[in-house]
Amino acid sequence: MDNGKKENGKTRLVIIVIGAVVGLLLLFLGNGDTFEREESLAASNSSVYDEALYEEELVNKIEGVCKKVRGAGEVKVAVTLDGSYRAVYAQNLAAGENSRREYFLVGSGSSEKALLLGYSPPEILGVAIVCEGGENKGVRAEIISLVSALLDLPTNKIYVAGGK
């Protein structure tokens, strides 16, 4: 019995905290029109949410660190991304795994919309690296470990090959 009351109390606390946060957001940001303007501004600002630009930044970052590895030499990188930026909306954390998703809504009537928190970048599916020292086991292992740590990517999604 006591354990059930604790879980029920935790669920209520989570709902109260989330409700307070949403209430404060509504208080500070005004009505739903504010969210509509922010969402349309974010969507129109294509340089911020441009997958090609994101990919280019990743390639430059990876090439930059790999060139510093002793024995790597000239480095070329290719990155494969899954899709595009995804909208992230505020959700009710108290909803269980087996229940359907519940989103926090702002506005009223026909202007009611889910609360947009921001955008998450596309998932990195894999990284291919060709470098002069890539045929050397030590250089290859060093680069794979480095890129794995840099991108928080599993090593099986990173391939290093030797090149000219």
Protein backbone atom coordinates (compact mmCIF):
# COMPACT_ATOMS: atom_id res chain seq x y z
CA MET A 1 0.00 0.00 0.00
CA ASP A 2 2.68 2.44 1.03
CA ASN A 3 4.59 1.98 -2.27
CA GLY A 4 1.46 2.75 -4.30
CA LYS A 5 0.91 5.98 -2.38
CA LYS A 6 4.52 7.03 -3.05
CA GLU A 7 4.15 6.45 -6.79
CA ASN A 8 0.81 8.28 -6.84
CA GLY A 9 2.40 11.18 -4.94
CA LYS A 10 5.33 11.31 -7.39
CA THR A 11 2.94 11.36 -10.35
CA ARG A 12 0.98 14.21 -8.80
CA LEU A 13 4.17 16.11 -8.05
CA VAL A 14 5.35 15.72 -11.66
CA ILE A 15 1.99 16.96 -12.96
CA ILE A 16 2.01 19.94 -10.58
CA VAL A 17 5.59 20.91 -11.52
CA ILE A 18 4.90 20.60 -15.24
CA GLY A 19 1.69 22.59 -14.86
CA ALA A 20 3.57 25.32 -13.01
CA VAL A 21 6.24 25.48 -15.72
CA VAL A 22 3.63 25.72 -18.47
CA GLY A 23 1.75 28.37 -16.49
CA LEU A 24 4.93 30.43 -16.10
CA LEU A 25 5.70 30.06 -19.80
CA LEU A 26 2.22 31.29 -20.69
CA LEU A 27 2.52 34.15 -18.23
CA PHE A 28 5.88 35.33 -19.59
CA LEU A 29 5.24 34.70 -23.25
CA GLY A 30 1.66 35.89 -23.52
CA ASN A 31 -0.97 34.21 -25.65
CA GLY A 32 -0.65 31.53 -28.36
CA ASP A 33 0.12 34.12 -31.06
CA THR A 34 3.62 34.46 -29.59
CA PHE A 35 4.26 30.77 -30.20
CA GLU A 36 2.93 31.00 -33.74
CA ARG A 37 5.31 33.88 -34.50
CA GLU A 38 8.28 32.00 -32.97
CA GLU A 39 7.45 28.84 -34.89
CA SER A 40 7.12 30.66 -38.22
CA LEU A 41 10.32 32.62 -37.51
CA ALA A 42 12.20 29.40 -36.77
CA ALA A 43 10.84 27.74 -39.90
CA SER A 44 11.74 30.73 -42.07
CA ASN A 45 15.26 30.93 -40.68
CA SER A 46 16.52 28.14 -42.94
CA SER A 47 20.21 28.70 -42.17
CA VAL A 48 19.62 27.63 -38.57
CA TYR A 49 17.81 24.41 -39.53
CA ASP A 50 19.63 23.57 -42.76
CA GLU A 51 20.67 19.90 -42.96
CA ALA A 52 23.36 20.61 -45.57
CA LEU A 53 24.91 23.25 -43.33
CA TYR A 54 24.72 20.89 -40.33
CA GLU A 55 26.41 18.15 -42.36
CA GLU A 56 29.13 20.56 -43.52
CA GLU A 57 29.79 21.64 -39.93
CA LEU A 58 30.08 18.01 -38.84
CA VAL A 59 32.48 17.20 -41.70
CA ASN A 60 34.66 20.20 -40.87
CA LYS A 61 34.71 19.32 -37.17
CA ILE A 62 35.63 15.68 -37.84
CA GLU A 63 38.29 16.56 -40.43
CA GLY A 64 39.77 19.13 -38.07
CA VAL A 65 40.30 16.70 -35.21
CA CYS A 66 41.34 13.76 -37.39
CA LYS A 67 44.09 15.82 -39.06
CA LYS A 68 45.63 16.26 -35.61
CA VAL A 69 46.08 12.49 -35.17
CA ARG A 70 49.72 11.52 -35.69
CA GLY A 71 50.04 9.52 -38.91
CA ALA A 72 46.61 10.41 -40.32
CA GLY A 73 47.88 12.78 -43.05
CA GLU A 74 45.29 14.20 -45.47
CA VAL A 75 41.72 13.48 -44.30
CA LYS A 76 38.40 13.35 -46.19
CA VAL A 77 35.12 12.75 -44.37
CA ALA A 78 31.58 11.84 -45.42
CA VAL A 79 28.62 11.90 -43.02
CA THR A 80 25.23 10.26 -43.57
CA LEU A 81 22.25 11.85 -41.82
CA ASP A 82 18.78 10.48 -41.21
CA GLY A 83 16.15 12.92 -42.42
CA SER A 84 15.99 16.50 -41.27
CA TYR A 85 15.51 18.59 -38.15
CA ARG A 86 12.59 17.40 -36.04
CA ALA A 87 10.27 19.57 -33.98
CA VAL A 88 10.30 18.77 -30.25
CA TYR A 89 7.09 19.47 -28.36
CA ALA A 90 6.44 19.58 -24.60
CA GLN A 91 4.87 16.33 -23.40
CA ASN A 92 3.19 15.16 -20.23
CA LEU A 93 5.85 13.11 -18.43
CA ALA A 94 3.25 11.45 -16.22
CA ALA A 95 1.77 9.60 -19.19
CA GLY A 96 2.87 5.97 -19.06
CA GLU A 97 4.76 4.15 -21.80
CA ASN A 98 1.67 2.22 -22.85
CA SER A 99 -0.56 5.27 -23.11
CA ARG A 100 -0.70 7.61 -26.05
CA ARG A 101 1.43 10.76 -26.04
CA GLU A 102 -0.07 13.80 -24.41
CA TYR A 103 1.21 17.21 -25.50
CA PHE A 104 0.90 20.51 -23.68
CA LEU A 105 -1.31 22.86 -25.65
CA VAL A 106 -1.26 26.65 -25.78
CA GLY A 107 -3.90 28.99 -27.11
CA SER A 108 -7.59 28.22 -27.23
CA GLY A 109 -10.18 27.10 -29.70
CA SER A 110 -9.00 26.91 -33.29
CA SER A 111 -5.67 28.56 -32.41
CA GLU A 112 -4.75 25.80 -29.94
CA LYS A 113 -1.32 24.29 -30.72
CA ALA A 114 1.24 22.04 -29.09
CA LEU A 115 3.98 23.86 -27.16
CA LEU A 116 7.09 23.88 -29.37
CA LEU A 117 10.31 23.53 -27.34
CA GLY A 118 12.73 23.60 -30.27
CA TYR A 119 14.25 21.40 -32.95
CA SER A 120 16.59 18.42 -32.73
CA PRO A 121 19.18 17.83 -35.44
CA PRO A 122 19.05 14.80 -37.74
CA GLU A 123 20.48 11.56 -36.37
CA ILE A 124 23.96 10.65 -37.63
CA LEU A 125 23.70 7.25 -39.32
CA GLY A 126 27.37 6.84 -40.14
CA VAL A 127 30.74 8.46 -40.73
CA ALA A 128 33.24 7.41 -43.41
CA ILE A 129 36.82 8.66 -43.15
CA VAL A 130 39.57 8.23 -45.72
CA CYS A 131 43.06 9.25 -44.67
CA GLU A 132 46.66 8.56 -45.66
CA GLY A 133 47.36 6.61 -42.46
CA GLY A 134 44.05 4.78 -42.40
CA GLU A 135 45.62 1.44 -43.28
CA ASN A 136 47.61 1.54 -40.02
CA LYS A 137 45.71 -0.28 -37.22
CA GLY A 138 46.82 2.19 -34.54
CA VAL A 139 45.85 5.29 -36.54
CA ARG A 140 42.53 3.70 -37.51
CA ALA A 141 41.72 2.76 -33.89
CA GLU A 142 42.70 6.23 -32.66
CA ILE A 143 40.48 7.96 -35.22
CA ILE A 144 37.51 5.67 -34.55
CA SER A 145 37.77 6.28 -30.79
CA LEU A 146 38.20 10.00 -31.30
CA VAL A 147 35.18 10.39 -33.60
CA SER A 148 33.08 8.13 -31.36
CA ALA A 149 33.82 10.36 -28.36
CA LEU A 150 33.38 13.57 -30.36
CA LEU A 151 29.92 12.67 -31.69
CA ASP A 152 28.77 10.21 -29.00
CA LEU A 153 28.41 7.70 -31.81
CA PRO A 154 28.93 3.92 -31.52
CA THR A 155 32.17 2.72 -33.11
CA ASN A 156 30.30 0.38 -35.48
CA LYS A 157 28.95 3.50 -37.27
CA ILE A 158 32.43 4.81 -38.05
CA TYR A 159 34.65 3.43 -40.80
CA VAL A 160 38.22 4.48 -41.53
CA ALA A 161 40.05 3.52 -44.73
CA GLY A 162 43.52 4.23 -46.04
CA GLY A 163 43.95 6.62 -48.94
CA LYS A 164 46.47 8.57 -50.99
